[in-house]
Amino acid sequence: MELSEDIHFFLFHQTKSWTKYSKLKKLKDYNRTNVRLVNNELQEIVAFFTEVSQHVNSTHKEELLGVLLFLSQKHVHAVHVRGE
């Protein structure tokens, strides 16, 4: 699953919501990210995406909801996030 650079820019540079979630600092740099999110970290990203999806424009909403749907599945216990 991929998160486009456009939506990453929107999430981390056009909103400040991510600052409430301490673990998301690891994801701010689109090109240098290389982290594994598990348990509470994964829950934080789901909470963040859920919050932001309520305010995102239609251009980004479909992509964001697709990522949320994937991350919210019961069998997903960890996610590896890497930049370009």
PDB file of N, CA and C in Angstrom:
ATOM      1  N   MET A   1       0.848  -1.164   0.000  1.00  0.00           N
ATOM      2  CA  MET A   1       0.000   0.000   0.000  1.00  0.00           C
ATOM      3  C   MET A   1       0.898   1.232   0.000  1.00  0.00           C
ATOM      4  N   GLU A   2       0.490   2.215  -0.737  1.00  0.00           N
ATOM      5  CA  GLU A   2       1.304   3.420  -0.885  1.00  0.00           C
ATOM      6  C   GLU A   2       0.508   4.656  -0.507  1.00  0.00           C
ATOM      7  N   LEU A   3       1.191   5.582   0.103  1.00  0.00           N
ATOM      8  CA  LEU A   3       0.626   6.886   0.430  1.00  0.00           C
ATOM      9  C   LEU A   3       1.320   7.891  -0.484  1.00  0.00           C
ATOM     10  N   SER A   4       0.572   8.587  -1.296  1.00  0.00           N
ATOM     11  CA  SER A   4       1.181   9.503  -2.262  1.00  0.00           C
ATOM     12  C   SER A   4       1.884  10.668  -1.571  1.00  0.00           C
ATOM     13  N   GLU A   5       2.816  11.251  -2.281  1.00  0.00           N
ATOM     14  CA  GLU A   5       3.539  12.401  -1.734  1.00  0.00           C
ATOM     15  C   GLU A   5       2.593  13.580  -1.513  1.00  0.00           C
ATOM     16  N   ASP A   6       1.599  13.720  -2.380  1.00  0.00           N
ATOM     17  CA  ASP A   6       0.623  14.813  -2.228  1.00  0.00           C
ATOM     18  C   ASP A   6      -0.132  14.715  -0.908  1.00  0.00           C
ATOM     19  N   ILE A   7      -0.631  13.522  -0.598  1.00  0.00           N
ATOM     20  CA  ILE A   7      -1.396  13.388   0.643  1.00  0.00           C
ATOM     21  C   ILE A   7      -0.475  13.461   1.856  1.00  0.00           C
ATOM     22  N   HIS A   8       0.743  12.973   1.729  1.00  0.00           N
ATOM     23  CA  HIS A   8       1.710  13.105   2.819  1.00  0.00           C
ATOM     24  C   HIS A   8       1.959  14.580   3.112  1.00  0.00           C
ATOM     25  N   PHE A   9       2.154  15.370   2.062  1.00  0.00           N
ATOM     26  CA  PHE A   9       2.376  16.798   2.237  1.00  0.00           C
ATOM     27  C   PHE A   9       1.177  17.439   2.934  1.00  0.00           C
ATOM     28  N   PHE A  10      -0.035  17.071   2.494  1.00  0.00           N
ATOM     29  CA  PHE A  10      -1.232  17.605   3.126  1.00  0.00           C
ATOM     30  C   PHE A  10      -1.275  17.244   4.606  1.00  0.00           C
ATOM     31  N   LEU A  11      -1.034  15.972   4.926  1.00  0.00           N
ATOM     32  CA  LEU A  11      -1.143  15.490   6.307  1.00  0.00           C
ATOM     33  C   LEU A  11      -0.140  16.137   7.248  1.00  0.00           C
ATOM     34  N   PHE A  12       1.095  16.305   6.785  1.00  0.00           N
ATOM     35  CA  PHE A  12       2.161  16.746   7.683  1.00  0.00           C
ATOM     36  C   PHE A  12       2.585  18.199   7.513  1.00  0.00           C
ATOM     37  N   HIS A  13       2.112  18.871   6.472  1.00  0.00           N
ATOM     38  CA  HIS A  13       2.529  20.256   6.273  1.00  0.00           C
ATOM     39  C   HIS A  13       1.374  21.240   6.184  1.00  0.00           C
ATOM     40  N   GLN A  14       0.194  20.754   5.857  1.00  0.00           N
ATOM     41  CA  GLN A  14      -0.951  21.649   5.776  1.00  0.00           C
ATOM     42  C   GLN A  14      -1.895  21.486   6.962  1.00  0.00           C
ATOM     43  N   THR A  15      -1.627  20.503   7.808  1.00  0.00           N
ATOM     44  CA  THR A  15      -2.387  20.352   9.048  1.00  0.00           C
ATOM     45  C   THR A  15      -1.394  20.289  10.204  1.00  0.00           C
ATOM     46  N   LYS A  16      -1.855  20.570  11.372  1.00  0.00           N
ATOM     47  CA  LYS A  16      -1.010  20.457  12.563  1.00  0.00           C
ATOM     48  C   LYS A  16      -1.515  19.343  13.474  1.00  0.00           C
ATOM     49  N   SER A  17      -2.541  18.634  13.037  1.00  0.00           N
ATOM     50  CA  SER A  17      -3.135  17.571  13.861  1.00  0.00           C
ATOM     51  C   SER A  17      -2.126  16.508  14.259  1.00  0.00           C
ATOM     52  N   TRP A  18      -1.179  16.222  13.372  1.00  0.00           N
ATOM     53  CA  TRP A  18      -0.223  15.147  13.638  1.00  0.00           C
ATOM     54  C   TRP A  18       0.620  15.421  14.875  1.00  0.00           C
ATOM     55  N   THR A  19       0.776  16.675  15.283  1.00  0.00           N
ATOM     56  CA  THR A  19       1.635  16.986  16.434  1.00  0.00           C
ATOM     57  C   THR A  19       1.070  16.433  17.741  1.00  0.00           C
ATOM     58  N   LYS A  20      -0.234  16.113  17.764  1.00  0.00           N
ATOM     59  CA  LYS A  20      -0.838  15.516  18.963  1.00  0.00           C
ATOM     60  C   LYS A  20      -0.414  14.058  19.141  1.00  0.00           C
ATOM     61  N   TYR A  21       0.108  13.460  18.087  1.00  0.00           N
ATOM     62  CA  TYR A  21       0.462  12.042  18.101  1.00  0.00           C
ATOM     63  C   TYR A  21       1.984  11.921  18.042  1.00  0.00           C
ATOM     64  N   SER A  22       2.592  11.678  19.192  1.00  0.00           N
ATOM     65  CA  SER A  22       4.050  11.713  19.302  1.00  0.00           C
ATOM     66  C   SER A  22       4.763  10.736  18.370  1.00  0.00           C
ATOM     67  N   LYS A  23       4.200   9.595  18.126  1.00  0.00           N
ATOM     68  CA  LYS A  23       4.862   8.588  17.290  1.00  0.00           C
ATOM     69  C   LYS A  23       4.901   8.985  15.822  1.00  0.00           C
ATOM     70  N   LEU A  24       4.063   9.928  15.418  1.00  0.00           N
ATOM     71  CA  LEU A  24       3.997  10.298  14.010  1.00  0.00           C
ATOM     72  C   LEU A  24       5.144  11.183  13.555  1.00  0.00           C
ATOM     73  N   LYS A  25       5.943  11.680  14.484  1.00  0.00           N
ATOM     74  CA  LYS A  25       7.130  12.452  14.100  1.00  0.00           C
ATOM     75  C   LYS A  25       8.031  11.630  13.194  1.00  0.00           C
ATOM     76  N   LYS A  26       8.009  10.316  13.401  1.00  0.00           N
ATOM     77  CA  LYS A  26       8.832   9.405  12.601  1.00  0.00           C
ATOM     78  C   LYS A  26       8.427   9.420  11.127  1.00  0.00           C
ATOM     79  N   LEU A  27       7.209   9.841  10.825  1.00  0.00           N
ATOM     80  CA  LEU A  27       6.691   9.778   9.461  1.00  0.00           C
ATOM     81  C   LEU A  27       6.701  11.104   8.719  1.00  0.00           C
ATOM     82  N   LYS A  28       7.130  12.160   9.379  1.00  0.00           N
ATOM     83  CA  LYS A  28       7.034  13.497   8.789  1.00  0.00           C
ATOM     84  C   LYS A  28       7.885  13.652   7.526  1.00  0.00           C
ATOM     85  N   ASP A  29       9.067  13.081   7.495  1.00  0.00           N
ATOM     86  CA  ASP A  29       9.949  13.211   6.334  1.00  0.00           C
ATOM     87  C   ASP A  29       9.609  12.132   5.305  1.00  0.00           C
ATOM     88  N   TYR A  30       8.979  12.527   4.228  1.00  0.00           N
ATOM     89  CA  TYR A  30       8.488  11.587   3.212  1.00  0.00           C
ATOM     90  C   TYR A  30       9.608  10.748   2.605  1.00  0.00           C
ATOM     91  N   ASN A  31      10.750  11.348   2.359  1.00  0.00           N
ATOM     92  CA  ASN A  31      11.833  10.650   1.663  1.00  0.00           C
ATOM     93  C   ASN A  31      12.745   9.835   2.570  1.00  0.00           C
ATOM     94  N   ARG A  32      12.823  10.151   3.840  1.00  0.00           N
ATOM     95  CA  ARG A  32      13.790   9.478   4.713  1.00  0.00           C
ATOM     96  C   ARG A  32      13.152   8.542   5.728  1.00  0.00           C
ATOM     97  N   THR A  33      11.876   8.321   5.630  1.00  0.00           N
ATOM     98  CA  THR A  33      11.171   7.472   6.587  1.00  0.00           C
ATOM     99  C   THR A  33      11.518   6.005   6.362  1.00  0.00           C
ATOM    100  N   ASN A  34      11.791   5.297   7.449  1.00  0.00           N
ATOM    101  CA  ASN A  34      12.015   3.852   7.408  1.00  0.00           C
ATOM    102  C   ASN A  34      11.740   3.318   8.808  1.00  0.00           C
ATOM    103  N   VAL A  35      10.468   3.102   9.121  1.00  0.00           N
ATOM    104  CA  VAL A  35      10.078   2.680  10.464  1.00  0.00           C
ATOM    105  C   VAL A  35       9.045   1.560  10.405  1.00  0.00           C
ATOM    106  N   ARG A  36       8.953   0.845  11.483  1.00  0.00           N
ATOM    107  CA  ARG A  36       7.944  -0.200  11.663  1.00  0.00           C
ATOM    108  C   ARG A  36       7.025   0.264  12.785  1.00  0.00           C
ATOM    109  N   LEU A  37       5.730   0.294  12.514  1.00  0.00           N
ATOM    110  CA  LEU A  37       4.742   0.714  13.498  1.00  0.00           C
ATOM    111  C   LEU A  37       3.988  -0.509  13.995  1.00  0.00           C
ATOM    112  N   VAL A  38       3.917  -0.653  15.304  1.00  0.00           N
ATOM    113  CA  VAL A  38       3.187  -1.766  15.918  1.00  0.00           C
ATOM    114  C   VAL A  38       2.346  -1.240  17.075  1.00  0.00           C
ATOM    115  N   ASN A  39       1.350  -2.011  17.453  1.00  0.00           N
ATOM    116  CA  ASN A  39       0.518  -1.746  18.626  1.00  0.00           C
ATOM    117  C   ASN A  39       0.062  -0.294  18.741  1.00  0.00           C
ATOM    118  N   ASN A  40       0.537   0.422  19.776  1.00  0.00           N
ATOM    119  CA  ASN A  40       0.095   1.791  20.029  1.00  0.00           C
ATOM    120  C   ASN A  40       0.449   2.735  18.883  1.00  0.00           C
ATOM    121  N   GLU A  41       1.596   2.510  18.259  1.00  0.00           N
ATOM    122  CA  GLU A  41       1.995   3.359  17.136  1.00  0.00           C
ATOM    123  C   GLU A  41       1.019   3.197  15.980  1.00  0.00           C
ATOM    124  N   LEU A  42       0.623   1.973  15.712  1.00  0.00           N
ATOM    125  CA  LEU A  42      -0.332   1.701  14.645  1.00  0.00           C
ATOM    126  C   LEU A  42      -1.693   2.304  15.002  1.00  0.00           C
ATOM    127  N   GLN A  43      -2.086   2.205  16.249  1.00  0.00           N
ATOM    128  CA  GLN A  43      -3.343   2.803  16.693  1.00  0.00           C
ATOM    129  C   GLN A  43      -3.311   4.327  16.555  1.00  0.00           C
ATOM    130  N   GLU A  44      -2.144   4.924  16.797  1.00  0.00           N
ATOM    131  CA  GLU A  44      -2.012   6.380  16.654  1.00  0.00           C
ATOM    132  C   GLU A  44      -2.225   6.807  15.213  1.00  0.00           C
ATOM    133  N   ILE A  45      -1.637   6.079  14.287  1.00  0.00           N
ATOM    134  CA  ILE A  45      -1.774   6.469  12.885  1.00  0.00           C
ATOM    135  C   ILE A  45      -3.210   6.290  12.407  1.00  0.00           C
ATOM    136  N   VAL A  46      -3.889   5.258  12.881  1.00  0.00           N
ATOM    137  CA  VAL A  46      -5.298   5.054  12.544  1.00  0.00           C
ATOM    138  C   VAL A  46      -6.138   6.201  13.123  1.00  0.00           C
ATOM    139  N   ALA A  47      -5.867   6.584  14.357  1.00  0.00           N
ATOM    140  CA  ALA A  47      -6.604   7.695  14.984  1.00  0.00           C
ATOM    141  C   ALA A  47      -6.357   9.000  14.230  1.00  0.00           C
ATOM    142  N   PHE A  48      -5.116   9.240  13.857  1.00  0.00           N
ATOM    143  CA  PHE A  48      -4.756  10.454  13.115  1.00  0.00           C
ATOM    144  C   PHE A  48      -5.454  10.484  11.759  1.00  0.00           C
ATOM    145  N   PHE A  49      -5.369   9.392  11.008  1.00  0.00           N
ATOM    146  CA  PHE A  49      -6.000   9.345   9.695  1.00  0.00           C
ATOM    147  C   PHE A  49      -7.516   9.484   9.810  1.00  0.00           C
ATOM    148  N   THR A  50      -8.096   8.896  10.843  1.00  0.00           N
ATOM    149  CA  THR A  50      -9.540   9.005  11.062  1.00  0.00           C
ATOM    150  C   THR A  50      -9.921  10.455  11.319  1.00  0.00           C
ATOM    151  N   GLU A  51      -9.168  11.126  12.173  1.00  0.00           N
ATOM    152  CA  GLU A  51      -9.433  12.534  12.482  1.00  0.00           C
ATOM    153  C   GLU A  51      -9.317  13.404  11.238  1.00  0.00           C
ATOM    154  N   VAL A  52      -8.237  13.227  10.504  1.00  0.00           N
ATOM    155  CA  VAL A  52      -7.983  14.068   9.338  1.00  0.00           C
ATOM    156  C   VAL A  52      -8.976  13.772   8.212  1.00  0.00           C
ATOM    157  N   SER A  53      -9.405  12.525   8.092  1.00  0.00           N
ATOM    158  CA  SER A  53     -10.321  12.157   6.997  1.00  0.00           C
ATOM    159  C   SER A  53     -11.643  12.915   7.080  1.00  0.00           C
ATOM    160  N   GLN A  54     -11.990  13.401   8.247  1.00  0.00           N
ATOM    161  CA  GLN A  54     -13.224  14.164   8.409  1.00  0.00           C
ATOM    162  C   GLN A  54     -13.108  15.572   7.834  1.00  0.00           C
ATOM    163  N   HIS A  55     -11.875  16.025   7.598  1.00  0.00           N
ATOM    164  CA  HIS A  55     -11.652  17.401   7.151  1.00  0.00           C
ATOM    165  C   HIS A  55     -10.933  17.491   5.809  1.00  0.00           C
ATOM    166  N   VAL A  56     -10.608  16.360   5.222  1.00  0.00           N
ATOM    167  CA  VAL A  56      -9.822  16.354   3.996  1.00  0.00           C
ATOM    168  C   VAL A  56     -10.737  16.589   2.781  1.00  0.00           C
ATOM    169  N   ASN A  57     -10.160  17.186   1.732  1.00  0.00           N
ATOM    170  CA  ASN A  57     -10.953  17.420   0.519  1.00  0.00           C
ATOM    171  C   ASN A  57     -11.132  16.106  -0.251  1.00  0.00           C
ATOM    172  N   SER A  58     -12.026  16.114  -1.195  1.00  0.00           N
ATOM    173  CA  SER A  58     -12.366  14.887  -1.914  1.00  0.00           C
ATOM    174  C   SER A  58     -11.189  14.316  -2.695  1.00  0.00           C
ATOM    175  N   THR A  59     -10.249  15.150  -3.090  1.00  0.00           N
ATOM    176  CA  THR A  59      -9.083  14.679  -3.827  1.00  0.00           C
ATOM    177  C   THR A  59      -8.290  13.666  -3.013  1.00  0.00           C
ATOM    178  N   HIS A  60      -8.129  13.905  -1.742  1.00  0.00           N
ATOM    179  CA  HIS A  60      -7.326  13.044  -0.880  1.00  0.00           C
ATOM    180  C   HIS A  60      -8.159  12.044  -0.081  1.00  0.00           C
ATOM    181  N   LYS A  61      -9.439  12.291   0.038  1.00  0.00           N
ATOM    182  CA  LYS A  61     -10.283  11.479   0.913  1.00  0.00           C
ATOM    183  C   LYS A  61     -10.313  10.008   0.502  1.00  0.00           C
ATOM    184  N   GLU A  62     -10.460   9.729  -0.783  1.00  0.00           N
ATOM    185  CA  GLU A  62     -10.538   8.343  -1.254  1.00  0.00           C
ATOM    186  C   GLU A  62      -9.260   7.576  -0.912  1.00  0.00           C
ATOM    187  N   GLU A  63      -8.114   8.194  -1.167  1.00  0.00           N
ATOM    188  CA  GLU A  63      -6.842   7.544  -0.854  1.00  0.00           C
ATOM    189  C   GLU A  63      -6.703   7.309   0.648  1.00  0.00           C
ATOM    190  N   LEU A  64      -7.022   8.303   1.426  1.00  0.00           N
ATOM    191  CA  LEU A  64      -6.904   8.205   2.877  1.00  0.00           C
ATOM    192  C   LEU A  64      -7.841   7.139   3.440  1.00  0.00           C
ATOM    193  N   LEU A  65      -9.057   7.079   2.935  1.00  0.00           N
ATOM    194  CA  LEU A  65     -10.007   6.068   3.408  1.00  0.00           C
ATOM    195  C   LEU A  65      -9.564   4.664   3.020  1.00  0.00           C
ATOM    196  N   GLY A  66      -8.918   4.524   1.871  1.00  0.00           N
ATOM    197  CA  GLY A  66      -8.377   3.224   1.467  1.00  0.00           C
ATOM    198  C   GLY A  66      -7.287   2.758   2.415  1.00  0.00           C
ATOM    199  N   VAL A  67      -6.413   3.663   2.800  1.00  0.00           N
ATOM    200  CA  VAL A  67      -5.351   3.340   3.757  1.00  0.00           C
ATOM    201  C   VAL A  67      -5.969   2.991   5.107  1.00  0.00           C
ATOM    202  N   LEU A  68      -6.945   3.766   5.539  1.00  0.00           N
ATOM    203  CA  LEU A  68      -7.634   3.499   6.808  1.00  0.00           C
ATOM    204  C   LEU A  68      -8.313   2.132   6.807  1.00  0.00           C
ATOM    205  N   LEU A  69      -8.960   1.796   5.723  1.00  0.00           N
ATOM    206  CA  LEU A  69      -9.621   0.502   5.608  1.00  0.00           C
ATOM    207  C   LEU A  69      -8.607  -0.629   5.762  1.00  0.00           C
ATOM    208  N   PHE A  70      -7.470  -0.484   5.096  1.00  0.00           N
ATOM    209  CA  PHE A  70      -6.420  -1.494   5.201  1.00  0.00           C
ATOM    210  C   PHE A  70      -5.879  -1.597   6.629  1.00  0.00           C
ATOM    211  N   LEU A  71      -5.535  -0.460   7.226  1.00  0.00           N
ATOM    212  CA  LEU A  71      -4.934  -0.461   8.560  1.00  0.00           C
ATOM    213  C   LEU A  71      -5.894  -0.931   9.654  1.00  0.00           C
ATOM    214  N   SER A  72      -7.184  -0.811   9.408  1.00  0.00           N
ATOM    215  CA  SER A  72      -8.179  -1.171  10.417  1.00  0.00           C
ATOM    216  C   SER A  72      -8.565  -2.651  10.404  1.00  0.00           C
ATOM    217  N   GLN A  73      -8.017  -3.397   9.483  1.00  0.00           N
ATOM    218  CA  GLN A  73      -8.330  -4.822   9.417  1.00  0.00           C
ATOM    219  C   GLN A  73      -7.744  -5.543  10.625  1.00  0.00           C
ATOM    220  N   LYS A  74      -8.469  -6.525  11.128  1.00  0.00           N
ATOM    221  CA  LYS A  74      -8.058  -7.232  12.344  1.00  0.00           C
ATOM    222  C   LYS A  74      -6.717  -7.948  12.203  1.00  0.00           C
ATOM    223  N   HIS A  75      -6.392  -8.404  11.015  1.00  0.00           N
ATOM    224  CA  HIS A  75      -5.151  -9.155  10.843  1.00  0.00           C
ATOM    225  C   HIS A  75      -3.916  -8.262  10.707  1.00  0.00           C
ATOM    226  N   VAL A  76      -4.088  -6.948  10.628  1.00  0.00           N
ATOM    227  CA  VAL A  76      -2.951  -6.028  10.523  1.00  0.00           C
ATOM    228  C   VAL A  76      -2.480  -5.677  11.936  1.00  0.00           C
ATOM    229  N   HIS A  77      -1.282  -6.153  12.266  1.00  0.00           N
ATOM    230  CA  HIS A  77      -0.723  -5.912  13.593  1.00  0.00           C
ATOM    231  C   HIS A  77       0.519  -5.038  13.568  1.00  0.00           C
ATOM    232  N   ALA A  78       1.068  -4.857  12.369  1.00  0.00           N
ATOM    233  CA  ALA A  78       2.263  -4.029  12.216  1.00  0.00           C
ATOM    234  C   ALA A  78       2.322  -3.525  10.783  1.00  0.00           C
ATOM    235  N   VAL A  79       2.993  -2.395  10.601  1.00  0.00           N
ATOM    236  CA  VAL A  79       3.160  -1.807   9.284  1.00  0.00           C
ATOM    237  C   VAL A  79       4.575  -1.278   9.172  1.00  0.00           C
ATOM    238  N   HIS A  80       5.215  -1.566   8.039  1.00  0.00           N
ATOM    239  CA  HIS A  80       6.529  -1.004   7.763  1.00  0.00           C
ATOM    240  C   HIS A  80       6.323   0.166   6.819  1.00  0.00           C
ATOM    241  N   VAL A  81       6.812   1.340   7.226  1.00  0.00           N
ATOM    242  CA  VAL A  81       6.654   2.563   6.425  1.00  0.00           C
ATOM    243  C   VAL A  81       8.025   2.989   5.978  1.00  0.00           C
ATOM    244  N   ARG A  82       8.158   3.163   4.657  1.00  0.00           N
ATOM    245  CA  ARG A  82       9.443   3.637   4.154  1.00  0.00           C
ATOM    246  C   ARG A  82       9.237   4.728   3.124  1.00  0.00           C
ATOM    247  N   GLY A  83      10.196   5.598   3.038  1.00  0.00           N
ATOM    248  CA  GLY A  83      10.140   6.680   2.069  1.00  0.00           C
ATOM    249  C   GLY A  83      10.675   6.232   0.734  1.00  0.00           C
ATOM    250  N   GLU A  84      10.823   7.169  -0.172  1.00  0.00           N
ATOM    251  CA  GLU A  84      11.316   6.838  -1.500  1.00  0.00           C
ATOM    252  C   GLU A  84      12.781   6.481  -1.473  1.00  0.00           C
TER     253      GLU A  84
END
